[in-house]
């Protein structure tokens, strides 16, 4: 215990001064997600859990109340639909955990927001809800239901089916009318990641599209029918927006005192041909469908977290949001730093995922560091006031109109990708001026990049200075997370789709990673990378066979979308050749490479 107190004192005196550079606001949301598995099965255990959270100066609980299609509380509405009225574990224990949580939390002046997992309703089996309403299931392009990820299969509901929005509206209204809660928080209000499942191809949806456009959407592809596929994405995204608008109107009318919030994926909204999660949250913000957003800005690296908040600010504008922080296995100092970054980004609070990761030591640290005193969460009236934006947020069109351009010159001499730059690179058109994705302007440490090509390969070279004693290169195996080391990243969009990409990464010991927007990490290519270092000068060469990307070499004057990034860990500089606000994989903001005439 003495050692613990000493450590906490040292952290507070030495580290906290540097971490808390932003003054505390009069009100600030300090929430924690409490998952179903963390809720004790006794009243005393539940009350103790709430008191533990309160001790760390949190002021809000987001309690998972609807999970896998069942509620933690007794639901008369579900029973009326022929569904289980309550999760068996709590029913067998003879308790209503939501009632106990609300009572104890309000006694301690904590807000309670019921957290609903909306469309994800079945794990390894369809579950009670889809067994009762099988016609609501999300159907994949190949006619299957559910999708496999690891050892598990996940089942989802599609919001476009008749009766779905009415069902959820009544379910949500019931909990808001039955319990004195403070808010309703919706999660899984999206489609699955398209690398896992391309879904919502139910016969009636396909028929509706065919009647309007004259073709079954199962017969089109983003590359073969781009205009039609764009319309198919728009139709699916609109079905989700229509669902949200229906729920929002109903709840704001019937329960105007409750705070209505939603967890959103930072890059969840569609990119024309790439559906992503079809979660068009910037449009939802424009329509005022939620009182506050809680983006899942999860990262173990504070600069990446900072970048994600810049992305959110860029497209959410002045709409209110609370920053989502991933608390699993994060050092306390990192959690504190991300809370401070959130304050700098003018977020109106944070929510930490999740309760099981908050040890006694972390709770003590929070109450003496980032949450040194109790404050009230923002009221619904305060959330209605437009939010101030930080100075680094700049207006941005989602599609770059004046992107950077670079030329790949033709070479008759094959390049050996060993990092030792051949004489051919002397004539290449080198470019520099990489920009920090976190918004502060140009990177202090310069990075240069150039391209050559022949009939077989695209060659890319990087050149920069770096103190070898500061290099972080922990990954040595193929397809390990080399992007978490000192590394360079290349994004290629051969058709200039402004939607899809191939990603290739190499760190400073030559470990390689690759993936794509269509296949995720499952995409692998046969490409080579080499690194050379002399004193403080690093040079990298990469050879990418055209056969691995497009199947054939480009034509003279052909253009591809392209971007280059450098991850420079010790000074925490994460920079891009073609500027992107906060994130990496944004093909609509890539630059252009033109292949010269041989």
Foldseek 3Di string as FASTA:
>chain_A
DVVLVVVLVCCLVPPQVVQAPDDDDQAFAFEFEDEPVNQDQDLVSLLVLLVLLVLLQHAEYAYAAAALRFGQAQAPLCVVLVFHRHPPSNVVSVDRSVQSNQVSSVVSNHAYAYEHAQFFRDKQDSGRVCVSVVVQWKAFLVRDAFWDDPPITITTGQLLDPPRLVSVLVVVLRVVVPHVHAAYEYENLFAPFLLTTHTDQPPVLQVVLCVVVVDRPSPDACVRCVVSLLVVLVVSLVSSVVSLQSSLVSCCVSPVQHFYEYEDELPQPAQRNRNGRSDPVLVCLVVVSGLEYEYQLEDLDLLLSLLSLLSCCQRNPQQAYAYEYELAPHPLSSVSNNQSSCVLQQHRYYYYYHSVSCDSSSSVSSCVHVNVDHHHHDGSVRSVDGTDGHPLHDHDDLFDDDWDEAEAEEDPDDDDFAQPDDPVCVPWDKDWQWFFLSRPGTDPWIKIKTWYDYFWWIKIKIKTFAQPVQFFQPDDAAQDPRVVTFKKKKWWAQVLSQHKTKIWMAHQCFHIAIAISNNGRVQDADKGKHWDDDRGMIMMMIIGTVCSPPNGDDDAFRKIFMKMWGQDDPVRGTTIPQHDRSDDPRSSRGHMYGYHDD
